[in-house]
PDB file of N, CA and C in Angstrom:
ATOM      1  N   MET A   1      37.929   2.736  15.815  1.00  0.00           N
ATOM      2  CA  MET A   1      37.961   2.645  14.763  1.00  0.00           C
ATOM      3  C   MET A   1      38.283   1.057  14.295  1.00  0.00           C
ATOM      4  N   ALA A   2      37.481   0.567  12.936  1.00  0.00           N
ATOM      5  CA  ALA A   2      38.227  -0.715  12.505  1.00  0.00           C
ATOM      6  C   ALA A   2      38.732  -1.213  11.070  1.00  0.00           C
ATOM      7  N   VAL A   3      39.753  -1.803  11.388  1.00  0.00           N
ATOM      8  CA  VAL A   3      40.873  -2.086  10.208  1.00  0.00           C
ATOM      9  C   VAL A   3      40.155  -3.487   9.733  1.00  0.00           C
ATOM     10  N   PHE A   4      39.804  -3.473   8.752  1.00  0.00           N
ATOM     11  CA  PHE A   4      39.418  -4.652   8.318  1.00  0.00           C
ATOM     12  C   PHE A   4      40.606  -5.444   6.875  1.00  0.00           C
ATOM     13  N   THR A   5      40.652  -6.858   7.207  1.00  0.00           N
ATOM     14  CA  THR A   5      42.184  -7.228   7.089  1.00  0.00           C
ATOM     15  C   THR A   5      42.265  -8.128   5.719  1.00  0.00           C
ATOM     16  N   ASP A   6      40.827  -8.360   5.806  1.00  0.00           N
ATOM     17  CA  ASP A   6      40.602  -9.265   4.898  1.00  0.00           C
ATOM     18  C   ASP A   6      39.061  -9.650   4.392  1.00  0.00           C
ATOM     19  N   THR A   7      38.519  -9.221   3.271  1.00  0.00           N
ATOM     20  CA  THR A   7      37.188  -8.788   2.729  1.00  0.00           C
ATOM     21  C   THR A   7      36.937 -10.062   1.351  1.00  0.00           C
ATOM     22  N   ASP A   8      35.882 -10.288   1.370  1.00  0.00           N
ATOM     23  CA  ASP A   8      35.783 -11.085   0.062  1.00  0.00           C
ATOM     24  C   ASP A   8      34.081 -11.239   0.227  1.00  0.00           C
ATOM     25  N   ASP A   9      33.150 -11.468  -1.119  1.00  0.00           N
ATOM     26  CA  ASP A   9      31.866 -11.821  -1.266  1.00  0.00           C
ATOM     27  C   ASP A   9      31.188 -12.675   0.316  1.00  0.00           C
ATOM     28  N   ALA A  10      31.875 -13.590   0.736  1.00  0.00           N
ATOM     29  CA  ALA A  10      31.561 -13.955   1.749  1.00  0.00           C
ATOM     30  C   ALA A  10      31.545 -13.448   3.266  1.00  0.00           C
ATOM     31  N   GLY A  11      31.978 -12.538   3.396  1.00  0.00           N
ATOM     32  CA  GLY A  11      32.378 -11.910   4.742  1.00  0.00           C
ATOM     33  C   GLY A  11      33.418 -10.546   4.717  1.00  0.00           C
ATOM     34  N   PHE A  12      34.121 -10.904   6.080  1.00  0.00           N
ATOM     35  CA  PHE A  12      35.085 -10.028   6.289  1.00  0.00           C
ATOM     36  C   PHE A  12      35.935 -10.222   7.703  1.00  0.00           C
ATOM     37  N   LYS A  13      37.135 -10.026   7.777  1.00  0.00           N
ATOM     38  CA  LYS A  13      37.774  -9.809   9.335  1.00  0.00           C
ATOM     39  C   LYS A  13      37.996  -8.569   9.340  1.00  0.00           C
ATOM     40  N   PHE A  14      37.887  -8.218  10.798  1.00  0.00           N
ATOM     41  CA  PHE A  14      38.703  -7.019  11.033  1.00  0.00           C
ATOM     42  C   PHE A  14      38.955  -7.336  12.585  1.00  0.00           C
ATOM     43  N   ASP A  15      40.089  -6.279  12.775  1.00  0.00           N
ATOM     44  CA  ASP A  15      40.824  -5.509  14.496  1.00  0.00           C
ATOM     45  C   ASP A  15      39.976  -4.266  14.684  1.00  0.00           C
ATOM     46  N   ALA A  16      39.625  -4.264  15.905  1.00  0.00           N
ATOM     47  CA  ALA A  16      38.996  -3.313  16.190  1.00  0.00           C
ATOM     48  C   ALA A  16      39.803  -2.231  17.366  1.00  0.00           C
ATOM     49  N   MET A  17      40.073  -1.344  16.875  1.00  0.00           N
ATOM     50  CA  MET A  17      41.731  -0.485  17.605  1.00  0.00           C
ATOM     51  C   MET A  17      40.893   0.988  18.177  1.00  0.00           C
ATOM     52  N   LEU A  18      41.454   1.325  19.294  1.00  0.00           N
ATOM     53  CA  LEU A  18      41.383   2.318  20.520  1.00  0.00           C
ATOM     54  C   LEU A  18      42.895   2.959  20.127  1.00  0.00           C
ATOM     55  N   PRO A  19      42.452   4.333  19.792  1.00  0.00           N
ATOM     56  CA  PRO A  19      44.155   4.691  19.710  1.00  0.00           C
ATOM     57  C   PRO A  19      44.672   5.376  21.118  1.00  0.00           C
ATOM     58  N   VAL A  20      45.780   5.689  21.063  1.00  0.00           N
ATOM     59  CA  VAL A  20      46.415   5.815  22.659  1.00  0.00           C
ATOM     60  C   VAL A  20      47.463   6.861  21.943  1.00  0.00           C
ATOM     61  N   ASP A  21      47.580   7.892  23.149  1.00  0.00           N
ATOM     62  CA  ASP A  21      48.681   9.325  22.756  1.00  0.00           C
ATOM     63  C   ASP A  21      49.563   8.570  22.927  1.00  0.00           C
ATOM     64  N   SER A  22      50.268   7.525  23.301  1.00  0.00           N
ATOM     65  CA  SER A  22      51.696   7.098  23.150  1.00  0.00           C
ATOM     66  C   SER A  22      51.940   5.148  23.833  1.00  0.00           C
ATOM     67  N   PRO A  23      52.583   4.817  23.066  1.00  0.00           N
ATOM     68  CA  PRO A  23      52.927   3.717  23.492  1.00  0.00           C
ATOM     69  C   PRO A  23      53.511   3.505  25.571  1.00  0.00           C
ATOM     70  N   ALA A  24      52.230   2.229  25.502  1.00  0.00           N
ATOM     71  CA  ALA A  24      52.924   2.023  26.990  1.00  0.00           C
ATOM     72  C   ALA A  24      54.618   1.597  27.038  1.00  0.00           C
ATOM     73  N   ASP A  25      55.259   2.087  28.313  1.00  0.00           N
ATOM     74  CA  ASP A  25      56.289   1.688  28.760  1.00  0.00           C
ATOM     75  C   ASP A  25      56.133   0.430  28.851  1.00  0.00           C
ATOM     76  N   ALA A  26      55.231  -0.210  29.815  1.00  0.00           N
ATOM     77  CA  ALA A  26      54.830  -1.670  30.568  1.00  0.00           C
ATOM     78  C   ALA A  26      53.923  -1.913  29.561  1.00  0.00           C
ATOM     79  N   LYS A  27      54.039  -3.617  29.651  1.00  0.00           N
ATOM     80  CA  LYS A  27      53.602  -4.266  28.393  1.00  0.00           C
ATOM     81  C   LYS A  27      52.211  -4.692  29.615  1.00  0.00           C
ATOM     82  N   PRO A  28      50.769  -4.335  29.639  1.00  0.00           N
ATOM     83  CA  PRO A  28      49.918  -4.572  30.514  1.00  0.00           C
ATOM     84  C   PRO A  28      49.237  -6.191  30.028  1.00  0.00           C
ATOM     85  N   ASP A  29      48.630  -6.890  31.127  1.00  0.00           N
ATOM     86  CA  ASP A  29      48.186  -8.071  30.604  1.00  0.00           C
ATOM     87  C   ASP A  29      46.567  -8.088  29.826  1.00  0.00           C
ATOM     88  N   LEU A  30      46.525  -7.846  29.357  1.00  0.00           N
ATOM     89  CA  LEU A  30      45.284  -7.573  28.393  1.00  0.00           C
ATOM     90  C   LEU A  30      44.390  -8.655  28.099  1.00  0.00           C
ATOM     91  N   GLY A  31      44.832  -9.700  28.713  1.00  0.00           N
ATOM     92  CA  GLY A  31      44.346 -10.851  28.214  1.00  0.00           C
ATOM     93  C   GLY A  31      44.632 -11.254  27.045  1.00  0.00           C
ATOM     94  N   ALA A  32      43.968 -12.484  26.523  1.00  0.00           N
ATOM     95  CA  ALA A  32      44.506 -13.226  25.523  1.00  0.00           C
ATOM     96  C   ALA A  32      44.064 -12.710  24.259  1.00  0.00           C
ATOM     97  N   ASP A  33      42.789 -12.133  24.376  1.00  0.00           N
ATOM     98  CA  ASP A  33      42.406 -11.458  22.937  1.00  0.00           C
ATOM     99  C   ASP A  33      42.726 -10.027  22.712  1.00  0.00           C
ATOM    100  N   VAL A  34      43.342  -9.310  23.655  1.00  0.00           N
ATOM    101  CA  VAL A  34      43.639  -8.093  23.271  1.00  0.00           C
ATOM    102  C   VAL A  34      45.351  -7.991  23.280  1.00  0.00           C
ATOM    103  N   THR A  35      45.869  -7.165  22.385  1.00  0.00           N
ATOM    104  CA  THR A  35      47.288  -7.016  22.240  1.00  0.00           C
ATOM    105  C   THR A  35      47.640  -5.235  21.786  1.00  0.00           C
ATOM    106  N   LEU A  36      48.551  -4.847  21.550  1.00  0.00           N
ATOM    107  CA  LEU A  36      49.266  -3.732  21.635  1.00  0.00           C
ATOM    108  C   LEU A  36      49.759  -3.646  20.674  1.00  0.00           C
ATOM    109  N   ALA A  37      49.370  -2.414  19.440  1.00  0.00           N
ATOM    110  CA  ALA A  37      50.028  -2.710  18.193  1.00  0.00           C
ATOM    111  C   ALA A  37      49.905  -1.216  17.748  1.00  0.00           C
ATOM    112  N   GLN A  38      51.005  -1.521  16.626  1.00  0.00           N
ATOM    113  CA  GLN A  38      50.714  -0.297  15.761  1.00  0.00           C
ATOM    114  C   GLN A  38      49.731  -0.032  14.787  1.00  0.00           C
ATOM    115  N   THR A  39      48.891   1.294  14.470  1.00  0.00           N
ATOM    116  CA  THR A  39      48.105   1.166  13.310  1.00  0.00           C
ATOM    117  C   THR A  39      48.770   1.186  11.954  1.00  0.00           C
ATOM    118  N   PRO A  40      48.316   0.419  11.235  1.00  0.00           N
ATOM    119  CA  PRO A  40      48.675   0.327   9.759  1.00  0.00           C
ATOM    120  C   PRO A  40      49.189   1.608   9.323  1.00  0.00           C
ATOM    121  N   SER A  41      50.507   1.679   8.403  1.00  0.00           N
ATOM    122  CA  SER A  41      50.891   2.534   7.892  1.00  0.00           C
ATOM    123  C   SER A  41      51.197   2.302   6.254  1.00  0.00           C
ATOM    124  N   GLY A  42      51.535   3.092   5.705  1.00  0.00           N
ATOM    125  CA  GLY A  42      51.720   3.136   3.932  1.00  0.00           C
ATOM    126  C   GLY A  42      51.322   4.036   3.783  1.00  0.00           C
ATOM    127  N   LYS A  43      51.134   3.982   2.143  1.00  0.00           N
ATOM    128  CA  LYS A  43      50.356   5.224   1.410  1.00  0.00           C
ATOM    129  C   LYS A  43      49.119   4.785   1.274  1.00  0.00           C
ATOM    130  N   ALA A  44      48.142   5.450   1.874  1.00  0.00           N
ATOM    131  CA  ALA A  44      46.775   5.431   1.805  1.00  0.00           C
ATOM    132  C   ALA A  44      45.781   6.808   1.362  1.00  0.00           C
ATOM    133  N   LEU A  45      44.902   6.580   0.643  1.00  0.00           N
ATOM    134  CA  LEU A  45      43.865   7.601   0.483  1.00  0.00           C
ATOM    135  C   LEU A  45      43.170   7.767   1.593  1.00  0.00           C
ATOM    136  N   ARG A  46      42.443   9.161   1.895  1.00  0.00           N
ATOM    137  CA  ARG A  46      41.229   9.013   2.861  1.00  0.00           C
ATOM    138  C   ARG A  46      39.821   9.612   2.148  1.00  0.00           C
ATOM    139  N   PHE A  47      38.924   8.960   2.560  1.00  0.00           N
ATOM    140  CA  PHE A  47      37.417   9.271   1.630  1.00  0.00           C
ATOM    141  C   PHE A  47      36.289   9.693   2.771  1.00  0.00           C
ATOM    142  N   GLN A  48      35.745  10.445   2.521  1.00  0.00           N
ATOM    143  CA  GLN A  48      34.921  10.373   3.614  1.00  0.00           C
ATOM    144  C   GLN A  48      33.239  10.029   3.298  1.00  0.00           C
ATOM    145  N   HIS A  49      32.626   9.342   4.521  1.00  0.00           N
ATOM    146  CA  HIS A  49      31.327   9.264   4.171  1.00  0.00           C
ATOM    147  C   HIS A  49      30.799   9.761   5.460  1.00  0.00           C
ATOM    148  N   ARG A  50      29.718  10.657   5.397  1.00  0.00           N
ATOM    149  CA  ARG A  50      29.008  11.542   5.966  1.00  0.00           C
ATOM    150  C   ARG A  50      27.377  11.058   5.242  1.00  0.00           C
ATOM    151  N   GLY A  51      26.515  10.147   6.949  1.00  0.00           N
ATOM    152  CA  GLY A  51      24.851   9.720   6.120  1.00  0.00           C
ATOM    153  C   GLY A  51      25.112   8.231   6.891  1.00  0.00           C
ATOM    154  N   ALA A  52      24.125   7.996   6.970  1.00  0.00           N
ATOM    155  CA  ALA A  52      23.796   6.838   7.924  1.00  0.00           C
ATOM    156  C   ALA A  52      24.866   5.592   7.800  1.00  0.00           C
ATOM    157  N   TYR A  53      25.158   4.471   8.223  1.00  0.00           N
ATOM    158  CA  TYR A  53      25.921   3.583   7.821  1.00  0.00           C
ATOM    159  C   TYR A  53      25.449   2.527   7.075  1.00  0.00           C
ATOM    160  N   ASP A  54      23.890   2.653   7.079  1.00  0.00           N
ATOM    161  CA  ASP A  54      23.315   1.399   6.234  1.00  0.00           C
ATOM    162  C   ASP A  54      23.324   2.308   4.859  1.00  0.00           C
ATOM    163  N   ASP A  55      23.949   3.130   4.732  1.00  0.00           N
ATOM    164  CA  ASP A  55      24.105   3.658   3.173  1.00  0.00           C
ATOM    165  C   ASP A  55      25.562   3.966   2.763  1.00  0.00           C
ATOM    166  N   ILE A  56      26.892   3.171   3.875  1.00  0.00           N
ATOM    167  CA  ILE A  56      28.469   3.220   3.413  1.00  0.00           C
ATOM    168  C   ILE A  56      28.577   2.379   2.003  1.00  0.00           C
ATOM    169  N   ASP A  57      27.737   1.429   1.784  1.00  0.00           N
ATOM    170  CA  ASP A  57      27.981   0.543   0.453  1.00  0.00           C
ATOM    171  C   ASP A  57      28.345   1.403  -0.550  1.00  0.00           C
ATOM    172  N   ALA A  58      27.147   2.618  -0.634  1.00  0.00           N
ATOM    173  CA  ALA A  58      27.247   3.566  -2.198  1.00  0.00           C
ATOM    174  C   ALA A  58      28.789   4.520  -1.974  1.00  0.00           C
ATOM    175  N   THR A  59      29.196   4.481  -0.762  1.00  0.00           N
ATOM    176  CA  THR A  59      30.615   5.241  -0.372  1.00  0.00           C
ATOM    177  C   THR A  59      31.856   4.068  -1.194  1.00  0.00           C
ATOM    178  N   TYR A  60      31.774   2.874  -0.792  1.00  0.00           N
ATOM    179  CA  TYR A  60      32.354   2.200  -1.088  1.00  0.00           C
ATOM    180  C   TYR A  60      32.578   2.031  -2.398  1.00  0.00           C
ATOM    181  N   GLU A  61      31.463   2.114  -3.205  1.00  0.00           N
ATOM    182  CA  GLU A  61      31.589   1.301  -4.792  1.00  0.00           C
ATOM    183  C   GLU A  61      32.443   2.922  -5.525  1.00  0.00           C
ATOM    184  N   ALA A  62      31.435   4.095  -4.785  1.00  0.00           N
ATOM    185  CA  ALA A  62      32.379   5.463  -5.445  1.00  0.00           C
ATOM    186  C   ALA A  62      33.623   5.237  -5.122  1.00  0.00           C
ATOM    187  N   ILE A  63      34.173   4.770  -4.331  1.00  0.00           N
ATOM    188  CA  ILE A  63      35.771   4.657  -3.812  1.00  0.00           C
ATOM    189  C   ILE A  63      36.260   3.801  -4.963  1.00  0.00           C
ATOM    190  N   THR A  64      35.611   2.781  -5.010  1.00  0.00           N
ATOM    191  CA  THR A  64      36.264   1.329  -6.057  1.00  0.00           C
ATOM    192  C   THR A  64      36.002   2.219  -7.387  1.00  0.00           C
ATOM    193  N   ALA A  65      35.505   2.923  -7.674  1.00  0.00           N
ATOM    194  CA  ALA A  65      35.164   3.902  -9.313  1.00  0.00           C
ATOM    195  C   ALA A  65      36.242   4.910  -9.577  1.00  0.00           C
ATOM    196  N   TYR A  66      36.723   5.422  -7.862  1.00  0.00           N
ATOM    197  CA  TYR A  66      37.946   6.317  -8.190  1.00  0.00           C
ATOM    198  C   TYR A  66      39.289   5.797  -8.760  1.00  0.00           C
ATOM    199  N   LEU A  67      39.133   4.944  -7.770  1.00  0.00           N
ATOM    200  CA  LEU A  67      40.661   4.156  -7.765  1.00  0.00           C
ATOM    201  C   LEU A  67      40.346   2.920  -9.442  1.00  0.00           C
ATOM    202  N   ASP A  68      39.525   2.637  -9.755  1.00  0.00           N
ATOM    203  CA  ASP A  68      39.541   2.149 -11.480  1.00  0.00           C
ATOM    204  C   ASP A  68      39.959   3.060 -12.222  1.00  0.00           C
ATOM    205  N   GLU A  69      39.111   4.607 -11.895  1.00  0.00           N
ATOM    206  CA  GLU A  69      39.317   5.333 -13.240  1.00  0.00           C
ATOM    207  C   GLU A  69      41.031   6.474 -13.021  1.00  0.00           C
ATOM    208  N   LYS A  70      41.606   6.019 -11.136  1.00  0.00           N
ATOM    209  CA  LYS A  70      42.962   6.800 -11.518  1.00  0.00           C
ATOM    210  C   LYS A  70      43.546   5.414 -11.618  1.00  0.00           C
ATOM    211  N   GLY A  71      43.769   4.044 -11.557  1.00  0.00           N
ATOM    212  CA  GLY A  71      44.430   3.353 -11.846  1.00  0.00           C
ATOM    213  C   GLY A  71      44.999   2.478 -10.940  1.00  0.00           C
ATOM    214  N   LEU A  72      44.551   2.801  -9.868  1.00  0.00           N
ATOM    215  CA  LEU A  72      45.415   2.653  -8.791  1.00  0.00           C
ATOM    216  C   LEU A  72      44.766   1.042  -7.953  1.00  0.00           C
ATOM    217  N   GLU A  73      45.957   0.435  -6.821  1.00  0.00           N
ATOM    218  CA  GLU A  73      45.569  -0.818  -7.019  1.00  0.00           C
ATOM    219  C   GLU A  73      45.482  -0.739  -5.401  1.00  0.00           C
ATOM    220  N   ALA A  74      43.852  -1.191  -4.635  1.00  0.00           N
ATOM    221  CA  ALA A  74      44.091  -0.957  -3.138  1.00  0.00           C
ATOM    222  C   ALA A  74      44.511  -2.458  -2.667  1.00  0.00           C
ATOM    223  N   ARG A  75      45.583  -2.260  -0.768  1.00  0.00           N
ATOM    224  CA  ARG A  75      45.677  -3.412  -0.683  1.00  0.00           C
ATOM    225  C   ARG A  75      44.598  -4.059   0.074  1.00  0.00           C
ATOM    226  N   ASN A  76      44.365  -5.323   0.117  1.00  0.00           N
ATOM    227  CA  ASN A  76      43.127  -5.632   0.985  1.00  0.00           C
ATOM    228  C   ASN A  76      43.051  -5.088   2.328  1.00  0.00           C
ATOM    229  N   LEU A  77      43.164  -3.974   2.607  1.00  0.00           N
ATOM    230  CA  LEU A  77      43.697  -3.529   3.884  1.00  0.00           C
ATOM    231  C   LEU A  77      42.778  -1.992   4.017  1.00  0.00           C
ATOM    232  N   PHE A  78      41.979  -1.791   4.802  1.00  0.00           N
ATOM    233  CA  PHE A  78      41.237  -0.071   4.897  1.00  0.00           C
ATOM    234  C   PHE A  78      40.731  -0.100   6.192  1.00  0.00           C
ATOM    235  N   ALA A  79      41.107   1.193   6.836  1.00  0.00           N
ATOM    236  CA  ALA A  79      40.250   1.594   7.729  1.00  0.00           C
ATOM    237  C   ALA A  79      38.989   1.975   8.107  1.00  0.00           C
ATOM    238  N   GLU A  80      37.917   2.285   8.509  1.00  0.00           N
ATOM    239  CA  GLU A  80      37.184   2.910   9.143  1.00  0.00           C
ATOM    240  C   GLU A  80      37.545   3.801  10.440  1.00  0.00           C
ATOM    241  N   GLU A  81      37.416   4.858  10.173  1.00  0.00           N
ATOM    242  CA  GLU A  81      37.867   5.806  11.450  1.00  0.00           C
ATOM    243  C   GLU A  81      36.360   6.683  11.607  1.00  0.00           C
ATOM    244  N   TYR A  82      35.710   6.353  13.246  1.00  0.00           N
ATOM    245  CA  TYR A  82      34.965   6.786  13.431  1.00  0.00           C
ATOM    246  C   TYR A  82      34.448   8.373  13.961  1.00  0.00           C
ATOM    247  N   LEU A  83      34.500   9.456  13.216  1.00  0.00           N
ATOM    248  CA  LEU A  83      34.021  10.469  14.275  1.00  0.00           C
ATOM    249  C   LEU A  83      33.363  11.041  15.112  1.00  0.00           C
ATOM    250  N   ASN A  84      32.316  10.132  14.957  1.00  0.00           N
ATOM    251  CA  ASN A  84      31.353  10.610  16.148  1.00  0.00           C
ATOM    252  C   ASN A  84      30.895   9.315  16.165  1.00  0.00           C
ATOM    253  N   ASP A  85      29.564   9.287  17.711  1.00  0.00           N
ATOM    254  CA  ASP A  85      28.688   8.208  17.826  1.00  0.00           C
ATOM    255  C   ASP A  85      27.475   8.116  17.112  1.00  0.00           C
ATOM    256  N   ALA A  86      26.777   7.068  16.473  1.00  0.00           N
ATOM    257  CA  ALA A  86      25.786   6.730  15.904  1.00  0.00           C
ATOM    258  C   ALA A  86      24.913   6.551  16.764  1.00  0.00           C
ATOM    259  N   LYS A  87      23.527   6.716  16.991  1.00  0.00           N
ATOM    260  CA  LYS A  87      22.692   6.435  17.521  1.00  0.00           C
ATOM    261  C   LYS A  87      22.102   5.281  17.052  1.00  0.00           C
ATOM    262  N   ASP A  88      21.595   4.707  15.911  1.00  0.00           N
ATOM    263  CA  ASP A  88      21.733   3.280  15.363  1.00  0.00           C
ATOM    264  C   ASP A  88      22.577   3.542  14.013  1.00  0.00           C
ATOM    265  N   SER A  89      22.214   2.630  12.968  1.00  0.00           N
ATOM    266  CA  SER A  89      23.020   2.312  12.005  1.00  0.00           C
ATOM    267  C   SER A  89      22.078   3.186  10.752  1.00  0.00           C
ATOM    268  N   GLY A  90      21.005   3.814  11.524  1.00  0.00           N
ATOM    269  CA  GLY A  90      20.182   4.647  10.115  1.00  0.00           C
ATOM    270  C   GLY A  90      20.589   6.360  10.454  1.00  0.00           C
ATOM    271  N   ASP A  91      21.737   6.507  11.543  1.00  0.00           N
ATOM    272  CA  ASP A  91      21.844   7.632  12.132  1.00  0.00           C
ATOM    273  C   ASP A  91      21.819   8.999  10.677  1.00  0.00           C
ATOM    274  N   THR A  92      21.909   9.692  10.592  1.00  0.00           N
ATOM    275  CA  THR A  92      22.094  10.244   8.888  1.00  0.00           C
ATOM    276  C   THR A  92      23.136  11.541   9.446  1.00  0.00           C
ATOM    277  N   ASN A  93      23.749  11.397  10.924  1.00  0.00           N
ATOM    278  CA  ASN A  93      24.164  12.669  10.998  1.00  0.00           C
ATOM    279  C   ASN A  93      26.006  11.851  11.420  1.00  0.00           C
ATOM    280  N   PHE A  94      25.946  10.542  10.895  1.00  0.00           N
ATOM    281  CA  PHE A  94      26.850   9.854  11.082  1.00  0.00           C
ATOM    282  C   PHE A  94      28.152  10.143  10.216  1.00  0.00           C
ATOM    283  N   GLN A  95      29.298   9.933  11.151  1.00  0.00           N
ATOM    284  CA  GLN A  95      30.430  10.351  10.053  1.00  0.00           C
ATOM    285  C   GLN A  95      31.921   9.380   9.967  1.00  0.00           C
ATOM    286  N   VAL A  96      32.603   9.257   9.191  1.00  0.00           N
ATOM    287  CA  VAL A  96      33.458   8.150   9.238  1.00  0.00           C
ATOM    288  C   VAL A  96      34.180   8.700   7.870  1.00  0.00           C
ATOM    289  N   ASP A  97      35.643   8.410   8.163  1.00  0.00           N
ATOM    290  CA  ASP A  97      36.356   8.301   7.065  1.00  0.00           C
ATOM    291  C   ASP A  97      37.552   7.012   6.796  1.00  0.00           C
ATOM    292  N   ILE A  98      37.118   7.034   5.631  1.00  0.00           N
ATOM    293  CA  ILE A  98      37.869   5.601   5.586  1.00  0.00           C
ATOM    294  C   ILE A  98      38.821   5.776   4.331  1.00  0.00           C
ATOM    295  N   HIS A  99      39.955   5.210   5.376  1.00  0.00           N
ATOM    296  CA  HIS A  99      41.243   5.085   4.630  1.00  0.00           C
ATOM    297  C   HIS A  99      41.916   3.842   3.920  1.00  0.00           C
ATOM    298  N   VAL A 100      42.035   3.928   2.730  1.00  0.00           N
ATOM    299  CA  VAL A 100      42.425   3.001   2.036  1.00  0.00           C
ATOM    300  C   VAL A 100      43.948   2.791   1.262  1.00  0.00           C
ATOM    301  N   PHE A 101      44.355   1.590   1.733  1.00  0.00           N
ATOM    302  CA  PHE A 101      45.893   1.477   1.958  1.00  0.00           C
ATOM    303  C   PHE A 101      46.071   0.816   0.537  1.00  0.00           C
ATOM    304  N   LEU A 102      47.080   1.698  -0.436  1.00  0.00           N
ATOM    305  CA  LEU A 102      47.367   1.756  -1.579  1.00  0.00           C
ATOM    306  C   LEU A 102      48.635   0.064  -1.909  1.00  0.00           C
ATOM    307  N   LYS A 103      48.688  -0.279  -2.664  1.00  0.00           N
ATOM    308  CA  LYS A 103      49.843  -1.022  -3.026  1.00  0.00           C
ATOM    309  C   LYS A 103      51.605  -0.250  -3.296  1.00  0.00           C
TER     310      LYS A 103
END
């Protein structure tokens, strides 16, 4: 899962996340760049992208149009949940759920 925390025309910042079944009682030393944290929460909409990752921009354009049509405002925070592994960015069998967090 990738949680995008800052996006603009120049690029983006994200946190790579791996789900765990339950929080660990002990805080293992995972190194300076790895932390244990909770997945973002709050009101969100889930959208599906099915097809090549190369084509995901069209899905984001459709999401933006939907939000505009419904008068909804998104936080600058969204998550891509990868449901399967792609062979490459052109793999048309790729499945991603996109979680858009609302203000």
